[in-house]
Amino acid sequence: MVWSATPEVHGGVLILALTGELDLAVVDELTGALEEAFERGTHGLVVDMIGVSFCDSSCLHALLRIARRTQAAERGFGLVAVSPAIVRPVTVLNLTQALPISASVNEAVAHVRRR
């Protein structure tokens, strides 16, 4: 399984760009990447999932945990996604408040900065 996580900081907001397929085989590595991103994003965290083709429930749960941790630290959190493979489970499970979805990185960063 090939996947990647590439961090980049924009004015204190860390953008973590994910690519590939996210499933149980990579959840521990994903969790580590999310934790590291949380530590580096002083104003908030945006997880860019435009390059993700699949995300199973274990990885969705990892995203939910880091979103809650980020929000508990009074920092903003957002997801960037347009693929039904990501948007549909978040919407169907009514997780859009905890995992707010934007269509672009700029939109997500603006959301995070408003928090």
PDB file of N, CA and C in Angstrom:
ATOM      1  N   MET A   1       0.850  -1.179   0.000  1.00  0.00           N
ATOM      2  CA  MET A   1       0.000   0.000   0.000  1.00  0.00           C
ATOM      3  C   MET A   1       0.892   1.237   0.000  1.00  0.00           C
ATOM      4  N   VAL A   2       0.732   2.088  -0.974  1.00  0.00           N
ATOM      5  CA  VAL A   2       1.521   3.306  -1.059  1.00  0.00           C
ATOM      6  C   VAL A   2       0.646   4.486  -0.655  1.00  0.00           C
ATOM      7  N   TRP A   3       1.136   5.243   0.309  1.00  0.00           N
ATOM      8  CA  TRP A   3       0.457   6.456   0.738  1.00  0.00           C
ATOM      9  C   TRP A   3       1.545   7.428   1.181  1.00  0.00           C
ATOM     10  N   SER A   4       1.191   8.680   1.315  1.00  0.00           N
ATOM     11  CA  SER A   4       2.166   9.655   1.782  1.00  0.00           C
ATOM     12  C   SER A   4       1.475  10.749   2.572  1.00  0.00           C
ATOM     13  N   ALA A   5       2.277  11.411   3.411  1.00  0.00           N
ATOM     14  CA  ALA A   5       1.818  12.549   4.197  1.00  0.00           C
ATOM     15  C   ALA A   5       2.893  13.620   4.090  1.00  0.00           C
ATOM     16  N   THR A   6       2.535  14.758   3.505  1.00  0.00           N
ATOM     17  CA  THR A   6       3.491  15.843   3.293  1.00  0.00           C
ATOM     18  C   THR A   6       3.030  17.086   4.044  1.00  0.00           C
ATOM     19  N   PRO A   7       3.804  17.502   5.062  1.00  0.00           N
ATOM     20  CA  PRO A   7       3.424  18.698   5.832  1.00  0.00           C
ATOM     21  C   PRO A   7       3.992  19.974   5.229  1.00  0.00           C
ATOM     22  N   GLU A   8       3.237  21.057   5.415  1.00  0.00           N
ATOM     23  CA  GLU A   8       3.684  22.388   5.004  1.00  0.00           C
ATOM     24  C   GLU A   8       2.968  23.394   5.898  1.00  0.00           C
ATOM     25  N   VAL A   9       3.707  24.350   6.437  1.00  0.00           N
ATOM     26  CA  VAL A   9       3.125  25.344   7.352  1.00  0.00           C
ATOM     27  C   VAL A   9       2.827  26.634   6.593  1.00  0.00           C
ATOM     28  N   HIS A  10       1.617  27.152   6.793  1.00  0.00           N
ATOM     29  CA  HIS A  10       1.191  28.431   6.232  1.00  0.00           C
ATOM     30  C   HIS A  10       0.731  29.318   7.375  1.00  0.00           C
ATOM     31  N   GLY A  11       1.595  30.227   7.822  1.00  0.00           N
ATOM     32  CA  GLY A  11       1.214  31.171   8.870  1.00  0.00           C
ATOM     33  C   GLY A  11       0.722  30.525  10.139  1.00  0.00           C
ATOM     34  N   GLY A  12       1.381  29.474  10.576  1.00  0.00           N
ATOM     35  CA  GLY A  12       0.991  28.791  11.804  1.00  0.00           C
ATOM     36  C   GLY A  12      -0.036  27.695  11.624  1.00  0.00           C
ATOM     37  N   VAL A  13      -0.668  27.626  10.452  1.00  0.00           N
ATOM     38  CA  VAL A  13      -1.620  26.552  10.151  1.00  0.00           C
ATOM     39  C   VAL A  13      -0.861  25.488   9.384  1.00  0.00           C
ATOM     40  N   LEU A  14      -0.848  24.282   9.909  1.00  0.00           N
ATOM     41  CA  LEU A  14      -0.154  23.204   9.231  1.00  0.00           C
ATOM     42  C   LEU A  14      -1.101  22.524   8.247  1.00  0.00           C
ATOM     43  N   ILE A  15      -0.640  22.391   7.021  1.00  0.00           N
ATOM     44  CA  ILE A  15      -1.392  21.670   5.993  1.00  0.00           C
ATOM     45  C   ILE A  15      -0.724  20.309   5.854  1.00  0.00           C
ATOM     46  N   LEU A  16      -1.449  19.241   6.099  1.00  0.00           N
ATOM     47  CA  LEU A  16      -0.924  17.892   5.928  1.00  0.00           C
ATOM     48  C   LEU A  16      -1.607  17.291   4.711  1.00  0.00           C
ATOM     49  N   ALA A  17      -0.860  17.210   3.617  1.00  0.00           N
ATOM     50  CA  ALA A  17      -1.411  16.664   2.365  1.00  0.00           C
ATOM     51  C   ALA A  17      -1.225  15.150   2.355  1.00  0.00           C
ATOM     52  N   LEU A  18      -2.338  14.439   2.290  1.00  0.00           N
ATOM     53  CA  LEU A  18      -2.315  12.982   2.248  1.00  0.00           C
ATOM     54  C   LEU A  18      -2.611  12.504   0.833  1.00  0.00           C
ATOM     55  N   THR A  19      -1.983  11.409   0.434  1.00  0.00           N
ATOM     56  CA  THR A  19      -2.273  10.798  -0.859  1.00  0.00           C
ATOM     57  C   THR A  19      -2.338   9.288  -0.691  1.00  0.00           C
ATOM     58  N   GLY A  20      -3.013   8.634  -1.633  1.00  0.00           N
ATOM     59  CA  GLY A  20      -3.065   7.177  -1.648  1.00  0.00           C
ATOM     60  C   GLY A  20      -4.308   6.615  -1.003  1.00  0.00           C
ATOM     61  N   GLU A  21      -4.189   5.364  -0.562  1.00  0.00           N
ATOM     62  CA  GLU A  21      -5.287   4.664   0.097  1.00  0.00           C
ATOM     63  C   GLU A  21      -4.982   4.550   1.578  1.00  0.00           C
ATOM     64  N   LEU A  22      -5.948   4.932   2.404  1.00  0.00           N
ATOM     65  CA  LEU A  22      -5.781   4.907   3.854  1.00  0.00           C
ATOM     66  C   LEU A  22      -6.655   3.801   4.431  1.00  0.00           C
ATOM     67  N   ASP A  23      -5.998   2.789   4.994  1.00  0.00           N
ATOM     68  CA  ASP A  23      -6.741   1.682   5.589  1.00  0.00           C
ATOM     69  C   ASP A  23      -6.009   1.171   6.824  1.00  0.00           C
ATOM     70  N   LEU A  24      -6.471   0.068   7.375  1.00  0.00           N
ATOM     71  CA  LEU A  24      -5.928  -0.484   8.611  1.00  0.00           C
ATOM     72  C   LEU A  24      -4.419  -0.733   8.529  1.00  0.00           C
ATOM     73  N   ALA A  25      -3.923  -1.041   7.359  1.00  0.00           N
ATOM     74  CA  ALA A  25      -2.491  -1.321   7.197  1.00  0.00           C
ATOM     75  C   ALA A  25      -1.622  -0.088   7.449  1.00  0.00           C
ATOM     76  N   VAL A  26      -2.182   1.101   7.316  1.00  0.00           N
ATOM     77  CA  VAL A  26      -1.388   2.335   7.478  1.00  0.00           C
ATOM     78  C   VAL A  26      -1.854   3.204   8.638  1.00  0.00           C
ATOM     79  N   VAL A  27      -2.852   2.768   9.383  1.00  0.00           N
ATOM     80  CA  VAL A  27      -3.446   3.635  10.405  1.00  0.00           C
ATOM     81  C   VAL A  27      -2.444   4.067  11.468  1.00  0.00           C
ATOM     82  N   ASP A  28      -1.521   3.192  11.860  1.00  0.00           N
ATOM     83  CA  ASP A  28      -0.540   3.589  12.874  1.00  0.00           C
ATOM     84  C   ASP A  28       0.392   4.671  12.346  1.00  0.00           C
ATOM     85  N   GLU A  29       0.843   4.530  11.110  1.00  0.00           N
ATOM     86  CA  GLU A  29       1.695   5.547  10.500  1.00  0.00           C
ATOM     87  C   GLU A  29       0.915   6.852  10.312  1.00  0.00           C
ATOM     88  N   LEU A  30      -0.343   6.737   9.887  1.00  0.00           N
ATOM     89  CA  LEU A  30      -1.184   7.921   9.726  1.00  0.00           C
ATOM     90  C   LEU A  30      -1.364   8.633  11.057  1.00  0.00           C
ATOM     91  N   THR A  31      -1.631   7.886  12.103  1.00  0.00           N
ATOM     92  CA  THR A  31      -1.800   8.475  13.430  1.00  0.00           C
ATOM     93  C   THR A  31      -0.542   9.229  13.845  1.00  0.00           C
ATOM     94  N   GLY A  32       0.619   8.642  13.588  1.00  0.00           N
ATOM     95  CA  GLY A  32       1.877   9.310  13.903  1.00  0.00           C
ATOM     96  C   GLY A  32       2.046  10.611  13.125  1.00  0.00           C
ATOM     97  N   ALA A  33       1.707  10.585  11.833  1.00  0.00           N
ATOM     98  CA  ALA A  33       1.805  11.792  10.999  1.00  0.00           C
ATOM     99  C   ALA A  33       0.840  12.866  11.484  1.00  0.00           C
ATOM    100  N   LEU A  34      -0.369  12.466  11.883  1.00  0.00           N
ATOM    101  CA  LEU A  34      -1.352  13.422  12.393  1.00  0.00           C
ATOM    102  C   LEU A  34      -0.900  14.021  13.727  1.00  0.00           C
ATOM    103  N   GLU A  35      -0.333  13.188  14.606  1.00  0.00           N
ATOM    104  CA  GLU A  35       0.159  13.682  15.893  1.00  0.00           C
ATOM    105  C   GLU A  35       1.296  14.685  15.690  1.00  0.00           C
ATOM    106  N   GLU A  36       2.207  14.372  14.786  1.00  0.00           N
ATOM    107  CA  GLU A  36       3.311  15.287  14.496  1.00  0.00           C
ATOM    108  C   GLU A  36       2.786  16.606  13.919  1.00  0.00           C
ATOM    109  N   ALA A  37       1.796  16.510  13.051  1.00  0.00           N
ATOM    110  CA  ALA A  37       1.193  17.708  12.472  1.00  0.00           C
ATOM    111  C   ALA A  37       0.518  18.547  13.548  1.00  0.00           C
ATOM    112  N   PHE A  38      -0.164  17.893  14.470  1.00  0.00           N
ATOM    113  CA  PHE A  38      -0.806  18.606  15.577  1.00  0.00           C
ATOM    114  C   PHE A  38       0.227  19.414  16.362  1.00  0.00           C
ATOM    115  N   GLU A  39       1.369  18.809  16.633  1.00  0.00           N
ATOM    116  CA  GLU A  39       2.414  19.477  17.405  1.00  0.00           C
ATOM    117  C   GLU A  39       2.987  20.684  16.661  1.00  0.00           C
ATOM    118  N   ARG A  40       3.057  20.626  15.348  1.00  0.00           N
ATOM    119  CA  ARG A  40       3.663  21.700  14.550  1.00  0.00           C
ATOM    120  C   ARG A  40       2.687  22.806  14.188  1.00  0.00           C
ATOM    121  N   GLY A  41       1.391  22.523  14.156  1.00  0.00           N
ATOM    122  CA  GLY A  41       0.399  23.523  13.732  1.00  0.00           C
ATOM    123  C   GLY A  41      -0.092  24.349  14.892  1.00  0.00           C
ATOM    124  N   THR A  42       0.587  25.426  15.190  1.00  0.00           N
ATOM    125  CA  THR A  42       0.268  26.201  16.383  1.00  0.00           C
ATOM    126  C   THR A  42      -1.097  26.877  16.323  1.00  0.00           C
ATOM    127  N   HIS A  43      -1.556  27.237  15.125  1.00  0.00           N
ATOM    128  CA  HIS A  43      -2.864  27.893  14.993  1.00  0.00           C
ATOM    129  C   HIS A  43      -3.951  26.934  14.526  1.00  0.00           C
ATOM    130  N   GLY A  44      -3.559  25.774  14.054  1.00  0.00           N
ATOM    131  CA  GLY A  44      -4.554  24.823  13.590  1.00  0.00           C
ATOM    132  C   GLY A  44      -3.978  23.841  12.602  1.00  0.00           C
ATOM    133  N   LEU A  45      -4.852  22.957  12.154  1.00  0.00           N
ATOM    134  CA  LEU A  45      -4.451  21.867  11.279  1.00  0.00           C
ATOM    135  C   LEU A  45      -5.481  21.688  10.170  1.00  0.00           C
ATOM    136  N   VAL A  46      -4.987  21.609   8.947  1.00  0.00           N
ATOM    137  CA  VAL A  46      -5.819  21.284   7.786  1.00  0.00           C
ATOM    138  C   VAL A  46      -5.264  19.995   7.188  1.00  0.00           C
ATOM    139  N   VAL A  47      -6.124  19.006   7.018  1.00  0.00           N
ATOM    140  CA  VAL A  47      -5.732  17.755   6.387  1.00  0.00           C
ATOM    141  C   VAL A  47      -6.290  17.762   4.970  1.00  0.00           C
ATOM    142  N   ASP A  48      -5.371  17.848   4.014  1.00  0.00           N
ATOM    143  CA  ASP A  48      -5.733  17.891   2.599  1.00  0.00           C
ATOM    144  C   ASP A  48      -5.838  16.464   2.077  1.00  0.00           C
ATOM    145  N   MET A  49      -7.057  16.026   1.773  1.00  0.00           N
ATOM    146  CA  MET A  49      -7.308  14.652   1.331  1.00  0.00           C
ATOM    147  C   MET A  49      -7.686  14.577  -0.150  1.00  0.00           C
ATOM    148  N   ILE A  50      -7.373  15.633  -0.907  1.00  0.00           N
ATOM    149  CA  ILE A  50      -7.690  15.634  -2.336  1.00  0.00           C
ATOM    150  C   ILE A  50      -7.057  14.437  -3.038  1.00  0.00           C
ATOM    151  N   GLY A  51      -5.850  14.035  -2.617  1.00  0.00           N
ATOM    152  CA  GLY A  51      -5.145  12.933  -3.254  1.00  0.00           C
ATOM    153  C   GLY A  51      -5.442  11.563  -2.671  1.00  0.00           C
ATOM    154  N   VAL A  52      -6.442  11.466  -1.793  1.00  0.00           N
ATOM    155  CA  VAL A  52      -6.795  10.190  -1.162  1.00  0.00           C
ATOM    156  C   VAL A  52      -7.916   9.523  -1.948  1.00  0.00           C
ATOM    157  N   SER A  53      -7.688   8.280  -2.340  1.00  0.00           N
ATOM    158  CA  SER A  53      -8.699   7.556  -3.121  1.00  0.00           C
ATOM    159  C   SER A  53      -9.584   6.656  -2.263  1.00  0.00           C
ATOM    160  N   PHE A  54      -9.152   6.353  -1.038  1.00  0.00           N
ATOM    161  CA  PHE A  54      -9.922   5.477  -0.158  1.00  0.00           C
ATOM    162  C   PHE A  54      -9.544   5.773   1.281  1.00  0.00           C
ATOM    163  N   CYS A  55     -10.532   5.769   2.175  1.00  0.00           N
ATOM    164  CA  CYS A  55     -10.286   5.980   3.603  1.00  0.00           C
ATOM    165  C   CYS A  55     -11.244   5.087   4.378  1.00  0.00           C
ATOM    166  N   ASP A  56     -10.689   4.078   5.084  1.00  0.00           N
ATOM    167  CA  ASP A  56     -11.571   3.175   5.821  1.00  0.00           C
ATOM    168  C   ASP A  56     -11.901   3.752   7.203  1.00  0.00           C
ATOM    169  N   SER A  57     -12.710   3.028   7.946  1.00  0.00           N
ATOM    170  CA  SER A  57     -13.201   3.533   9.231  1.00  0.00           C
ATOM    171  C   SER A  57     -12.083   3.709  10.251  1.00  0.00           C
ATOM    172  N   SER A  58     -11.043   2.892  10.196  1.00  0.00           N
ATOM    173  CA  SER A  58      -9.951   3.043  11.163  1.00  0.00           C
ATOM    174  C   SER A  58      -9.231   4.373  10.953  1.00  0.00           C
ATOM    175  N   CYS A  59      -9.025   4.756   9.717  1.00  0.00           N
ATOM    176  CA  CYS A  59      -8.358   6.028   9.419  1.00  0.00           C
ATOM    177  C   CYS A  59      -9.293   7.206   9.652  1.00  0.00           C
ATOM    178  N   LEU A  60     -10.575   7.016   9.384  1.00  0.00           N
ATOM    179  CA  LEU A  60     -11.554   8.051   9.690  1.00  0.00           C
ATOM    180  C   LEU A  60     -11.575   8.315  11.198  1.00  0.00           C
ATOM    181  N   HIS A  61     -11.468   7.256  11.969  1.00  0.00           N
ATOM    182  CA  HIS A  61     -11.428   7.385  13.427  1.00  0.00           C
ATOM    183  C   HIS A  61     -10.160   8.123  13.867  1.00  0.00           C
ATOM    184  N   ALA A  62      -9.031   7.858  13.218  1.00  0.00           N
ATOM    185  CA  ALA A  62      -7.786   8.576  13.531  1.00  0.00           C
ATOM    186  C   ALA A  62      -7.956  10.073  13.248  1.00  0.00           C
ATOM    187  N   LEU A  63      -8.612  10.403  12.144  1.00  0.00           N
ATOM    188  CA  LEU A  63      -8.884  11.807  11.823  1.00  0.00           C
ATOM    189  C   LEU A  63      -9.794  12.440  12.873  1.00  0.00           C
ATOM    190  N   LEU A  64     -10.798  11.711  13.294  1.00  0.00           N
ATOM    191  CA  LEU A  64     -11.726  12.219  14.298  1.00  0.00           C
ATOM    192  C   LEU A  64     -11.014  12.468  15.628  1.00  0.00           C
ATOM    193  N   ARG A  65     -10.124  11.559  16.018  1.00  0.00           N
ATOM    194  CA  ARG A  65      -9.369  11.745  17.270  1.00  0.00           C
ATOM    195  C   ARG A  65      -8.502  13.001  17.220  1.00  0.00           C
ATOM    196  N   ILE A  66      -7.789  13.205  16.108  1.00  0.00           N
ATOM    197  CA  ILE A  66      -6.909  14.374  16.026  1.00  0.00           C
ATOM    198  C   ILE A  66      -7.728  15.657  15.896  1.00  0.00           C
ATOM    199  N   ALA A  67      -8.880  15.586  15.241  1.00  0.00           N
ATOM    200  CA  ALA A  67      -9.752  16.760  15.151  1.00  0.00           C
ATOM    201  C   ALA A  67     -10.234  17.166  16.541  1.00  0.00           C
ATOM    202  N   ARG A  68     -10.642  16.199  17.320  1.00  0.00           N
ATOM    203  CA  ARG A  68     -11.112  16.501  18.680  1.00  0.00           C
ATOM    204  C   ARG A  68      -9.981  17.040  19.546  1.00  0.00           C
ATOM    205  N   ARG A  69      -8.793  16.463  19.391  1.00  0.00           N
ATOM    206  CA  ARG A  69      -7.632  16.940  20.156  1.00  0.00           C
ATOM    207  C   ARG A  69      -7.282  18.380  19.759  1.00  0.00           C
ATOM    208  N   THR A  70      -7.317  18.663  18.477  1.00  0.00           N
ATOM    209  CA  THR A  70      -7.021  20.004  17.978  1.00  0.00           C
ATOM    210  C   THR A  70      -8.045  21.005  18.503  1.00  0.00           C
ATOM    211  N   GLN A  71      -9.306  20.634  18.435  1.00  0.00           N
ATOM    212  CA  GLN A  71     -10.363  21.523  18.897  1.00  0.00           C
ATOM    213  C   GLN A  71     -10.314  21.715  20.413  1.00  0.00           C
ATOM    214  N   ALA A  72      -9.940  20.678  21.176  1.00  0.00           N
ATOM    215  CA  ALA A  72      -9.805  20.794  22.630  1.00  0.00           C
ATOM    216  C   ALA A  72      -8.667  21.747  22.995  1.00  0.00           C
ATOM    217  N   ALA A  73      -7.662  21.839  22.127  1.00  0.00           N
ATOM    218  CA  ALA A  73      -6.541  22.758  22.339  1.00  0.00           C
ATOM    219  C   ALA A  73      -6.870  24.163  21.834  1.00  0.00           C
ATOM    220  N   GLU A  74      -8.145  24.353  21.465  1.00  0.00           N
ATOM    221  CA  GLU A  74      -8.649  25.634  20.960  1.00  0.00           C
ATOM    222  C   GLU A  74      -7.932  26.094  19.699  1.00  0.00           C
ATOM    223  N   ARG A  75      -7.675  25.135  18.836  1.00  0.00           N
ATOM    224  CA  ARG A  75      -7.112  25.403  17.518  1.00  0.00           C
ATOM    225  C   ARG A  75      -8.147  24.955  16.489  1.00  0.00           C
ATOM    226  N   GLY A  76      -8.054  25.517  15.314  1.00  0.00           N
ATOM    227  CA  GLY A  76      -8.980  25.135  14.256  1.00  0.00           C
ATOM    228  C   GLY A  76      -8.565  23.847  13.567  1.00  0.00           C
ATOM    229  N   PHE A  77      -9.545  23.175  12.971  1.00  0.00           N
ATOM    230  CA  PHE A  77      -9.301  21.934  12.240  1.00  0.00           C
ATOM    231  C   PHE A  77     -10.189  21.917  11.006  1.00  0.00           C
ATOM    232  N   GLY A  78      -9.661  21.395   9.918  1.00  0.00           N
ATOM    233  CA  GLY A  78     -10.467  21.256   8.714  1.00  0.00           C
ATOM    234  C   GLY A  78      -9.931  20.176   7.792  1.00  0.00           C
ATOM    235  N   LEU A  79     -10.816  19.647   6.979  1.00  0.00           N
ATOM    236  CA  LEU A  79     -10.456  18.674   5.944  1.00  0.00           C
ATOM    237  C   LEU A  79     -10.685  19.310   4.590  1.00  0.00           C
ATOM    238  N   VAL A  80      -9.855  18.931   3.626  1.00  0.00           N
ATOM    239  CA  VAL A  80     -10.065  19.324   2.240  1.00  0.00           C
ATOM    240  C   VAL A  80     -10.362  18.033   1.493  1.00  0.00           C
ATOM    241  N   ALA A  81     -11.552  17.951   0.920  1.00  0.00           N
ATOM    242  CA  ALA A  81     -11.942  16.729   0.209  1.00  0.00           C
ATOM    243  C   ALA A  81     -13.071  17.040  -0.761  1.00  0.00           C
ATOM    244  N   VAL A  82     -13.042  16.382  -1.902  1.00  0.00           N
ATOM    245  CA  VAL A  82     -14.129  16.486  -2.866  1.00  0.00           C
ATOM    246  C   VAL A  82     -14.607  15.104  -3.312  1.00  0.00           C
ATOM    247  N   SER A  83     -13.800  14.090  -3.077  1.00  0.00           N
ATOM    248  CA  SER A  83     -14.133  12.733  -3.496  1.00  0.00           C
ATOM    249  C   SER A  83     -15.269  12.156  -2.651  1.00  0.00           C
ATOM    250  N   PRO A  84     -16.240  11.513  -3.292  1.00  0.00           N
ATOM    251  CA  PRO A  84     -17.301  10.856  -2.524  1.00  0.00           C
ATOM    252  C   PRO A  84     -16.756   9.804  -1.551  1.00  0.00           C
ATOM    253  N   ALA A  85     -15.578   9.243  -1.837  1.00  0.00           N
ATOM    254  CA  ALA A  85     -14.980   8.245  -0.947  1.00  0.00           C
ATOM    255  C   ALA A  85     -14.659   8.844   0.421  1.00  0.00           C
ATOM    256  N   ILE A  86     -14.475  10.152   0.480  1.00  0.00           N
ATOM    257  CA  ILE A  86     -14.198  10.838   1.745  1.00  0.00           C
ATOM    258  C   ILE A  86     -15.434  11.583   2.226  1.00  0.00           C
ATOM    259  N   VAL A  87     -16.043  12.344   1.354  1.00  0.00           N
ATOM    260  CA  VAL A  87     -17.166  13.214   1.741  1.00  0.00           C
ATOM    261  C   VAL A  87     -18.380  12.395   2.199  1.00  0.00           C
ATOM    262  N   ARG A  88     -18.702  11.337   1.493  1.00  0.00           N
ATOM    263  CA  ARG A  88     -19.898  10.565   1.822  1.00  0.00           C
ATOM    264  C   ARG A  88     -19.868   9.960   3.231  1.00  0.00           C
ATOM    265  N   PRO A  89     -18.804   9.238   3.629  1.00  0.00           N
ATOM    266  CA  PRO A  89     -18.820   8.688   4.999  1.00  0.00           C
ATOM    267  C   PRO A  89     -18.899   9.769   6.079  1.00  0.00           C
ATOM    268  N   VAL A  90     -18.197  10.876   5.884  1.00  0.00           N
ATOM    269  CA  VAL A  90     -18.237  11.960   6.875  1.00  0.00           C
ATOM    270  C   VAL A  90     -19.653  12.519   6.979  1.00  0.00           C
ATOM    271  N   THR A  91     -20.309  12.680   5.843  1.00  0.00           N
ATOM    272  CA  THR A  91     -21.664  13.218   5.820  1.00  0.00           C
ATOM    273  C   THR A  91     -22.682  12.221   6.367  1.00  0.00           C
ATOM    274  N   VAL A  92     -22.615  10.978   5.906  1.00  0.00           N
ATOM    275  CA  VAL A  92     -23.571   9.946   6.328  1.00  0.00           C
ATOM    276  C   VAL A  92     -23.482   9.693   7.834  1.00  0.00           C
ATOM    277  N   LEU A  93     -22.260   9.727   8.370  1.00  0.00           N
ATOM    278  CA  LEU A  93     -22.068   9.500   9.803  1.00  0.00           C
ATOM    279  C   LEU A  93     -22.276  10.759  10.641  1.00  0.00           C
ATOM    280  N   ASN A  94     -22.691  11.849   9.983  1.00  0.00           N
ATOM    281  CA  ASN A  94     -22.979  13.113  10.649  1.00  0.00           C
ATOM    282  C   ASN A  94     -21.770  13.629  11.443  1.00  0.00           C
ATOM    283  N   LEU A  95     -20.596  13.587  10.791  1.00  0.00           N
ATOM    284  CA  LEU A  95     -19.362  14.034  11.422  1.00  0.00           C
ATOM    285  C   LEU A  95     -18.884  15.385  10.903  1.00  0.00           C
ATOM    286  N   THR A  96     -19.727  16.080  10.148  1.00  0.00           N
ATOM    287  CA  THR A  96     -19.283  17.323   9.513  1.00  0.00           C
ATOM    288  C   THR A  96     -18.967  18.437  10.508  1.00  0.00           C
ATOM    289  N   GLN A  97     -19.531  18.395  11.691  1.00  0.00           N
ATOM    290  CA  GLN A  97     -19.184  19.402  12.694  1.00  0.00           C
ATOM    291  C   GLN A  97     -17.777  19.145  13.224  1.00  0.00           C
ATOM    292  N   ALA A  98     -17.452  17.891  13.515  1.00  0.00           N
ATOM    293  CA  ALA A  98     -16.119  17.538  14.020  1.00  0.00           C
ATOM    294  C   ALA A  98     -15.082  17.532  12.909  1.00  0.00           C
ATOM    295  N   LEU A  99     -15.502  17.151  11.711  1.00  0.00           N
ATOM    296  CA  LEU A  99     -14.610  17.070  10.552  1.00  0.00           C
ATOM    297  C   LEU A  99     -15.145  17.981   9.448  1.00  0.00           C
ATOM    298  N   PRO A 100     -15.030  19.297   9.623  1.00  0.00           N
ATOM    299  CA  PRO A 100     -15.561  20.215   8.613  1.00  0.00           C
ATOM    300  C   PRO A 100     -14.814  20.075   7.288  1.00  0.00           C
ATOM    301  N   ILE A 101     -15.574  19.917   6.212  1.00  0.00           N
ATOM    302  CA  ILE A 101     -14.993  19.684   4.895  1.00  0.00           C
ATOM    303  C   ILE A 101     -15.059  20.950   4.052  1.00  0.00           C
ATOM    304  N   SER A 102     -13.948  21.257   3.412  1.00  0.00           N
ATOM    305  CA  SER A 102     -13.850  22.365   2.455  1.00  0.00           C
ATOM    306  C   SER A 102     -13.420  21.788   1.111  1.00  0.00           C
ATOM    307  N   ALA A 103     -13.685  22.547   0.049  1.00  0.00           N
ATOM    308  CA  ALA A 103     -13.333  22.092  -1.291  1.00  0.00           C
ATOM    309  C   ALA A 103     -11.931  22.513  -1.711  1.00  0.00           C
ATOM    310  N   SER A 104     -11.295  23.411  -0.926  1.00  0.00           N
ATOM    311  CA  SER A 104      -9.948  23.871  -1.279  1.00  0.00           C
ATOM    312  C   SER A 104      -9.140  24.127  -0.016  1.00  0.00           C
ATOM    313  N   VAL A 105      -7.826  24.108  -0.169  1.00  0.00           N
ATOM    314  CA  VAL A 105      -6.942  24.398   0.959  1.00  0.00           C
ATOM    315  C   VAL A 105      -7.168  25.820   1.451  1.00  0.00           C
ATOM    316  N   ASN A 106      -7.284  26.777   0.548  1.00  0.00           N
ATOM    317  CA  ASN A 106      -7.494  28.172   0.955  1.00  0.00           C
ATOM    318  C   ASN A 106      -8.768  28.326   1.780  1.00  0.00           C
ATOM    319  N   GLU A 107      -9.836  27.659   1.362  1.00  0.00           N
ATOM    320  CA  GLU A 107     -11.104  27.709   2.096  1.00  0.00           C
ATOM    321  C   GLU A 107     -10.943  27.092   3.485  1.00  0.00           C
ATOM    322  N   ALA A 108     -10.246  25.976   3.574  1.00  0.00           N
ATOM    323  CA  ALA A 108     -10.040  25.306   4.860  1.00  0.00           C
ATOM    324  C   ALA A 108      -9.168  26.150   5.789  1.00  0.00           C
ATOM    325  N   VAL A 109      -8.108  26.750   5.257  1.00  0.00           N
ATOM    326  CA  VAL A 109      -7.247  27.612   6.069  1.00  0.00           C
ATOM    327  C   VAL A 109      -8.043  28.801   6.595  1.00  0.00           C
ATOM    328  N   ALA A 110      -8.882  29.393   5.756  1.00  0.00           N
ATOM    329  CA  ALA A 110      -9.720  30.518   6.194  1.00  0.00           C
ATOM    330  C   ALA A 110     -10.644  30.074   7.327  1.00  0.00           C
ATOM    331  N   HIS A 111     -11.220  28.875   7.206  1.00  0.00           N
ATOM    332  CA  HIS A 111     -12.094  28.324   8.256  1.00  0.00           C
ATOM    333  C   HIS A 111     -11.309  28.156   9.562  1.00  0.00           C
ATOM    334  N   VAL A 112     -10.114  27.594   9.467  1.00  0.00           N
ATOM    335  CA  VAL A 112      -9.290  27.354  10.654  1.00  0.00           C
ATOM    336  C   VAL A 112      -8.915  28.673  11.318  1.00  0.00           C
ATOM    337  N   ARG A 113      -8.583  29.673  10.543  1.00  0.00           N
ATOM    338  CA  ARG A 113      -8.172  30.969  11.095  1.00  0.00           C
ATOM    339  C   ARG A 113      -9.345  31.682  11.785  1.00  0.00           C
ATOM    340  N   ARG A 114     -10.574  31.403  11.370  1.00  0.00           N
ATOM    341  CA  ARG A 114     -11.754  32.033  12.005  1.00  0.00           C
ATOM    342  C   ARG A 114     -12.036  31.454  13.380  1.00  0.00           C
ATOM    343  N   ARG A 115     -11.505  30.314  13.704  1.00  0.00           N
ATOM    344  CA  ARG A 115     -11.767  29.665  14.988  1.00  0.00           C
ATOM    345  C   ARG A 115     -11.130  30.376  16.130  1.00  0.00           C
TER     346      ARG A 115
END
